Amino acid sequence: MSLAFLFPGQGSQAVGMGVELADAFVAAREVFEEVDDALGQKLARLMREGPIEDLTLTENVQPALMAVSVATARVLAAEFGIGIERAAFVAGHSLGEYSALATAGAITLTDTARLLRLRGQAMQRAVPVGQGAMASLIGPKADLALAEAAADVGSAVGVCVVANDNNAGNIVISGEKAAVNVAIEAAKGRGVRAILLNVSAPFHCPLMAPAAEEMAEALDRTTIEAPRAPLVANVTALPTLDPETIRRLLVEQVTGRVRWRESMAWMVEHGGVTAFAEVGAGKVLTGMAKRIAPDASAASLNTPADLEAFAGKL
């Protein structure tokens, strides 16, 4: 079995995430304590108690989801003997890329928490609330070509691009609100369902350029080591172990497309991956894996029972 670890992004959060692991394992508690110390905030309490409105704030949810992913991975290694070295590749969806790098030892947990706090704040600063929008194009006809065509129509009135190529039947566009609304109508005219997303900013589009500049400055001050497993990067859908390449791609990721479908396909077709494990909150990436690579196995690792079952299969 050739295994890849996947790390979820924004949208997988829920009040109570990580609580079972923290209650059961010291390794998880230590992660949450370190993240709290790094941020000077009781983020672990917010994850445990909510409210969801505060947890979902971009500057909170990004480090919170990372903390749950890293805690899950550390428990998997400490209690079940399945460390990052078992992975042929790691990949993370948007902010999940930081979770992957922290788990693989490329960036310290403390630095990752602080980077994600800044990333969330910088993304929010880049575009005033209400001026941007994102929408999911959904359905059998919602492929990349159609999404790009709809975004081109929207671009006639403002910035509009494909932000996330998640899987066939689930493509996300992002940009100025008026432009996204025009693109939605164009997509509907081609038989595709379109849903505006409840997000606070238009992520992964050129409007995020000010946030990319802030992240470039922060990443220049951050030590990045070679990860212990190759990172399949969002913006290239190709693996890398080079710290300077990773530094550059993390900046490009702020404005660039999340090429998730291509990343998953590359791992299966060229990397020989036969099993995926989603490490952290939710099951979003597990569902995508089953649609993109139906012949590979996919498991979501959220709870102690999930980890025990996964370890038993390995």
Protein backbone atom coordinates (compact mmCIF):
# COMPACT_ATOMS: atom_id res chain seq x y z
CA MET A 1 0.00 0.00 0.00
CA SER A 2 1.32 3.43 -1.02
CA LEU A 3 -0.18 6.05 1.28
CA ALA A 4 -0.73 9.81 0.99
CA PHE A 5 -1.82 12.02 3.88
CA LEU A 6 -4.32 14.77 3.04
CA PHE A 7 -4.96 17.84 5.19
CA PRO A 8 -8.30 19.69 5.05
CA GLY A 9 -8.93 23.38 4.49
CA GLN A 10 -11.48 25.97 5.48
CA GLY A 11 -15.04 24.66 5.59
CA SER A 12 -14.19 21.50 7.56
CA GLN A 13 -14.47 23.24 10.96
CA ALA A 14 -17.01 22.38 13.62
CA VAL A 15 -17.34 23.17 17.31
CA GLY A 16 -15.93 20.19 19.20
CA MET A 17 -13.32 19.26 16.61
CA GLY A 18 -10.29 17.67 18.20
CA VAL A 19 -11.95 17.34 21.60
CA GLU A 20 -12.01 13.53 21.69
CA LEU A 21 -8.32 13.39 20.81
CA ALA A 22 -7.41 16.00 23.42
CA ASP A 23 -9.40 14.20 26.10
CA ALA A 24 -7.75 10.88 25.27
CA PHE A 25 -4.14 11.69 24.40
CA VAL A 26 -1.38 13.87 25.86
CA ALA A 27 0.15 14.33 22.39
CA ALA A 28 -2.98 16.11 21.18
CA ARG A 29 -3.23 18.30 24.26
CA GLU A 30 0.39 19.36 23.84
CA VAL A 31 -0.31 20.54 20.28
CA PHE A 32 -3.29 22.63 21.36
CA GLU A 33 -1.31 24.12 24.25
CA GLU A 34 1.58 25.07 21.98
CA VAL A 35 -0.76 26.74 19.48
CA ASP A 36 -2.48 28.64 22.30
CA ASP A 37 0.91 29.84 23.55
CA ALA A 38 2.03 30.84 20.06
CA LEU A 39 -1.07 32.94 19.49
CA GLY A 40 -1.59 34.20 23.02
CA GLN A 41 -5.18 33.01 22.75
CA LYS A 42 -7.38 30.25 24.17
CA LEU A 43 -8.03 28.81 20.71
CA ALA A 44 -8.46 25.31 22.13
CA ARG A 45 -11.33 26.56 24.30
CA LEU A 46 -12.95 28.18 21.26
CA MET A 47 -12.70 24.88 19.38
CA ARG A 48 -14.22 23.03 22.30
CA GLU A 49 -16.99 25.46 23.26
CA GLY A 50 -17.59 27.78 20.28
CA PRO A 51 -19.48 29.80 19.31
CA ILE A 52 -19.21 28.66 15.70
CA GLU A 53 -19.41 32.29 14.50
CA ASP A 54 -16.14 33.09 16.27
CA LEU A 55 -14.48 29.83 15.31
CA THR A 56 -15.32 30.43 11.64
CA LEU A 57 -13.59 33.82 11.56
CA THR A 58 -10.78 33.36 9.04
CA GLU A 59 -8.02 34.36 11.48
CA ASN A 60 -9.26 31.74 13.98
CA VAL A 61 -10.30 28.89 11.76
CA GLN A 62 -7.03 28.66 9.84
CA PRO A 63 -4.76 27.96 12.85
CA ALA A 64 -7.54 25.91 14.50
CA LEU A 65 -7.89 23.49 11.61
CA MET A 66 -4.11 23.21 11.39
CA ALA A 67 -3.89 22.41 15.11
CA VAL A 68 -6.45 19.60 14.79
CA SER A 69 -4.60 18.11 11.82
CA VAL A 70 -1.19 18.22 13.52
CA ALA A 71 -2.65 16.82 16.75
CA THR A 72 -4.25 13.95 14.84
CA ALA A 73 -1.00 13.17 13.05
CA ARG A 74 1.03 13.24 16.26
CA VAL A 75 -1.39 10.90 18.02
CA LEU A 76 -1.28 8.58 15.01
CA ALA A 77 2.51 8.47 15.31
CA ALA A 78 2.83 8.35 19.11
CA GLU A 79 0.03 5.91 19.91
CA PHE A 80 -0.28 3.80 16.76
CA GLY A 81 3.23 3.89 15.31
CA ILE A 82 2.22 5.44 11.99
CA GLY A 83 4.45 8.44 11.41
CA ILE A 84 4.85 10.80 8.48
CA GLU A 85 7.60 8.56 7.09
CA ARG A 86 4.86 6.10 6.08
CA ALA A 87 3.54 8.66 3.58
CA ALA A 88 4.70 8.66 -0.01
CA PHE A 89 3.30 12.21 -0.28
CA VAL A 90 1.49 14.86 1.72
CA ALA A 91 -0.96 17.41 0.33
CA GLY A 92 -3.23 20.00 1.87
CA HIS A 93 -6.20 21.91 0.51
CA SER A 94 -5.39 25.64 0.70
CA LEU A 95 -4.53 26.31 4.38
CA GLY A 96 -4.15 22.52 4.71
CA GLU A 97 -0.85 22.91 2.89
CA TYR A 98 0.50 24.54 6.05
CA SER A 99 -0.84 21.63 8.13
CA ALA A 100 0.96 19.22 5.81
CA LEU A 101 4.23 21.14 6.14
CA ALA A 102 3.98 21.37 9.93
CA THR A 103 3.25 17.65 10.20
CA ALA A 104 6.16 16.86 7.87
CA GLY A 105 8.57 18.94 9.96
CA ALA A 106 9.17 21.66 7.35
CA ILE A 107 7.86 24.50 9.56
CA THR A 108 7.64 24.48 13.35
CA LEU A 109 4.21 24.29 14.92
CA THR A 110 4.64 27.68 16.55
CA ASP A 111 5.67 29.34 13.28
CA THR A 112 2.84 27.65 11.40
CA ALA A 113 0.24 28.90 13.88
CA ARG A 114 1.54 32.46 13.62
CA LEU A 115 1.74 32.31 9.81
CA LEU A 116 -1.84 31.12 9.58
CA ARG A 117 -3.08 33.81 11.96
CA LEU A 118 -1.39 36.40 9.73
CA ARG A 119 -2.67 34.70 6.58
CA GLY A 120 -6.24 34.87 7.81
CA GLN A 121 -5.91 38.52 8.84
CA ALA A 122 -4.14 39.50 5.60
CA MET A 123 -6.77 37.81 3.44
CA GLN A 124 -9.50 39.68 5.30
CA ARG A 125 -7.68 43.00 4.93
CA ALA A 126 -7.10 42.53 1.21
CA VAL A 127 -10.75 42.98 0.16
CA PRO A 128 -13.43 44.84 2.14
CA VAL A 129 -16.27 42.61 3.29
CA GLY A 130 -19.04 42.52 0.70
CA GLN A 131 -16.91 43.45 -2.31
CA GLY A 132 -15.82 39.91 -3.16
CA ALA A 133 -17.58 36.58 -3.58
CA MET A 134 -17.01 32.90 -4.23
CA ALA A 135 -19.37 30.37 -5.77
CA SER A 136 -19.40 26.62 -6.28
CA LEU A 137 -20.38 25.31 -9.69
CA ILE A 138 -21.94 21.91 -9.13
CA GLY A 139 -23.31 19.09 -11.25
CA PRO A 140 -22.36 16.61 -13.97
CA LYS A 141 -21.61 19.41 -16.45
CA ALA A 142 -19.48 21.41 -14.01
CA ASP A 143 -16.06 20.64 -15.41
CA LEU A 144 -12.99 22.88 -15.55
CA ALA A 145 -13.59 24.04 -19.12
CA LEU A 146 -17.13 25.18 -18.32
CA ALA A 147 -15.99 26.94 -15.15
CA GLU A 148 -13.24 28.76 -17.01
CA ALA A 149 -15.71 29.81 -19.71
CA ALA A 150 -18.16 31.13 -17.09
CA ALA A 151 -15.34 32.99 -15.30
CA ASP A 152 -14.31 34.56 -18.62
CA VAL A 153 -17.85 35.88 -19.04
CA GLY A 154 -17.73 37.34 -15.53
CA SER A 155 -14.35 38.92 -16.23
CA ALA A 156 -16.06 41.36 -18.57
CA VAL A 157 -17.28 43.28 -15.50
CA GLY A 158 -14.47 42.58 -13.00
CA VAL A 159 -11.98 40.09 -11.61
CA CYS A 160 -13.30 36.52 -11.83
CA VAL A 161 -11.24 33.31 -11.96
CA VAL A 162 -11.39 29.63 -11.14
CA ALA A 163 -10.15 29.38 -7.55
CA ASN A 164 -10.51 25.68 -6.67
CA ASP A 165 -10.54 22.83 -9.16
CA ASN A 166 -11.78 20.36 -6.55
CA ASN A 167 -13.11 17.50 -8.66
CA ALA A 168 -15.32 17.02 -11.67
CA GLY A 169 -18.70 18.37 -10.65
CA ASN A 170 -17.31 20.77 -8.02
CA ILE A 171 -15.41 23.84 -9.21
CA VAL A 172 -15.18 27.12 -7.27
CA ILE A 173 -14.92 30.58 -8.83
CA SER A 174 -13.78 33.71 -7.02
CA GLY A 175 -13.53 37.44 -7.59
CA GLU A 176 -15.43 40.69 -7.46
CA LYS A 177 -19.04 40.19 -6.41
CA ALA A 178 -20.60 41.62 -9.56
CA ALA A 179 -18.32 39.56 -11.77
CA VAL A 180 -19.02 36.35 -9.86
CA ASN A 181 -22.77 36.98 -10.16
CA VAL A 182 -22.43 37.35 -13.95
CA ALA A 183 -20.39 34.13 -14.07
CA ILE A 184 -23.06 32.34 -12.04
CA GLU A 185 -25.72 33.28 -14.58
CA ALA A 186 -23.47 32.13 -17.42
CA ALA A 187 -22.94 28.78 -15.69
CA LYS A 188 -26.65 28.35 -15.06
CA GLY A 189 -27.27 28.98 -18.74
CA ARG A 190 -25.05 26.01 -19.46
CA GLY A 191 -27.01 23.71 -17.16
CA VAL A 192 -24.87 23.96 -14.05
CA ARG A 193 -26.07 24.64 -10.51
CA ALA A 194 -24.26 27.53 -8.81
CA ILE A 195 -24.22 28.33 -5.10
CA LEU A 196 -22.73 31.43 -3.50
CA LEU A 197 -20.42 30.43 -0.65
CA ASN A 198 -20.64 31.92 2.82
CA VAL A 199 -17.09 33.26 2.92
CA SER A 200 -15.70 36.55 4.16
CA ALA A 201 -13.33 37.17 1.24
CA PRO A 202 -12.67 36.02 -2.36
CA PHE A 203 -9.81 33.59 -1.78
CA HIS A 204 -7.37 32.32 -4.43
CA CYS A 205 -7.84 35.13 -6.90
CA PRO A 206 -5.81 38.21 -7.95
CA LEU A 207 -7.69 40.39 -5.44
CA MET A 208 -5.64 38.65 -2.74
CA ALA A 209 -2.39 40.23 -4.02
CA PRO A 210 -1.96 42.46 -0.93
CA ALA A 211 -2.23 39.35 1.27
CA ALA A 212 0.36 37.58 -0.87
CA GLU A 213 2.76 40.48 -0.27
CA GLU A 214 2.26 40.23 3.49
CA MET A 215 2.82 36.46 3.39
CA ALA A 216 5.97 36.87 1.30
CA GLU A 217 7.46 39.14 3.97
CA ALA A 218 6.48 36.77 6.78
CA LEU A 219 7.73 33.68 4.98
CA ASP A 220 11.07 35.37 4.25
CA ARG A 221 11.55 35.55 8.03
CA THR A 222 10.51 31.92 8.58
CA THR A 223 12.82 28.91 8.64
CA ILE A 224 11.64 26.21 6.26
CA GLU A 225 13.29 22.78 6.22
CA ALA A 226 12.89 19.99 3.68
CA PRO A 227 9.69 18.10 4.59
CA ARG A 228 10.03 14.45 5.59
CA ALA A 229 7.62 13.53 2.79
CA PRO A 230 7.24 15.28 -0.58
CA LEU A 231 4.58 18.01 -0.68
CA VAL A 232 2.28 17.93 -3.69
CA ALA A 233 1.71 21.65 -4.02
CA ASN A 234 -1.64 23.30 -4.72
CA VAL A 235 -0.44 25.64 -7.46
CA THR A 236 1.63 23.14 -9.45
CA ALA A 237 -0.01 19.77 -8.65
CA LEU A 238 3.54 18.40 -8.49
CA PRO A 239 5.74 17.20 -5.61
CA THR A 240 8.62 19.12 -4.08
CA LEU A 241 11.05 18.76 -1.20
CA ASP A 242 12.92 22.03 -1.78
CA PRO A 243 12.47 24.62 0.98
CA GLU A 244 12.90 27.65 -1.30
CA THR A 245 10.41 26.26 -3.80
CA ILE A 246 7.96 25.67 -0.96
CA ARG A 247 8.46 29.24 0.26
CA ARG A 248 7.68 30.61 -3.20
CA LEU A 249 4.68 28.35 -3.77
CA LEU A 250 3.12 29.32 -0.43
CA VAL A 251 3.12 32.93 -1.62
CA GLU A 252 1.75 32.03 -5.05
CA GLN A 253 -0.97 29.93 -3.40
CA VAL A 254 -2.63 33.03 -1.91
CA THR A 255 -3.70 34.28 -5.34
CA GLY A 256 -3.34 31.04 -7.30
CA ARG A 257 -5.66 28.18 -8.12
CA VAL A 258 -5.94 25.17 -5.83
CA ARG A 259 -5.36 22.38 -8.37
CA TRP A 260 -6.72 19.65 -6.15
CA ARG A 261 -8.14 17.34 -8.82
CA GLU A 262 -4.83 17.39 -10.67
CA SER A 263 -2.86 16.87 -7.45
CA MET A 264 -4.87 13.78 -6.53
CA ALA A 265 -4.69 12.40 -10.06
CA TRP A 266 -0.90 12.92 -10.14
CA MET A 267 -0.43 11.02 -6.88
CA VAL A 268 -2.37 8.05 -8.22
CA GLU A 269 -1.17 8.00 -11.81
CA HIS A 270 2.47 9.01 -11.38
CA GLY A 271 3.13 8.58 -7.65
CA GLY A 272 1.57 5.11 -7.35
CA VAL A 273 -0.65 6.08 -4.40
CA THR A 274 -3.30 3.49 -3.57
CA ALA A 275 -4.62 4.87 -0.26
CA PHE A 276 -5.49 8.32 1.08
CA ALA A 277 -5.93 9.34 4.71
CA GLU A 278 -7.54 12.68 5.54
CA VAL A 279 -5.85 13.87 8.73
CA GLY A 280 -7.94 16.26 10.82
CA ALA A 281 -11.42 17.71 10.90
CA GLY A 282 -14.24 16.67 8.60
CA LYS A 283 -14.54 14.36 5.62
CA VAL A 284 -14.50 16.78 2.69
CA LEU A 285 -11.26 15.53 1.14
CA THR A 286 -12.24 11.89 1.66
CA GLY A 287 -15.32 12.49 -0.46
CA MET A 288 -13.27 14.19 -3.15
CA ALA A 289 -10.75 11.34 -3.15
CA LYS A 290 -13.49 8.80 -3.76
CA ARG A 291 -14.73 10.79 -6.76
CA ILE A 292 -11.30 11.54 -8.25
CA ALA A 293 -9.63 8.17 -7.56
CA PRO A 294 -12.38 5.57 -7.04
CA ASP A 295 -9.92 2.67 -7.19
CA ALA A 296 -7.91 4.00 -4.23
CA SER A 297 -9.05 3.60 -0.64
CA ALA A 298 -9.84 6.74 1.39
CA ALA A 299 -10.34 7.20 5.11
CA SER A 300 -11.01 10.23 7.32
CA LEU A 301 -9.15 10.31 10.63
CA ASN A 302 -11.08 12.41 13.17
CA THR A 303 -11.46 10.36 16.35
CA PRO A 304 -9.54 7.79 18.42
CA ALA A 305 -11.78 5.10 16.93
CA ASP A 306 -10.89 6.27 13.40
CA LEU A 307 -7.19 6.06 14.19
CA GLU A 308 -7.48 2.62 15.73
CA ALA A 309 -9.41 1.30 12.75
CA PHE A 310 -6.94 2.83 10.30
CA ALA A 311 -3.95 1.39 12.15
CA GLY A 312 -5.61 -2.01 12.19
CA LYS A 313 -5.93 -1.99 8.39
CA LEU A 314 -2.29 -1.04 7.94
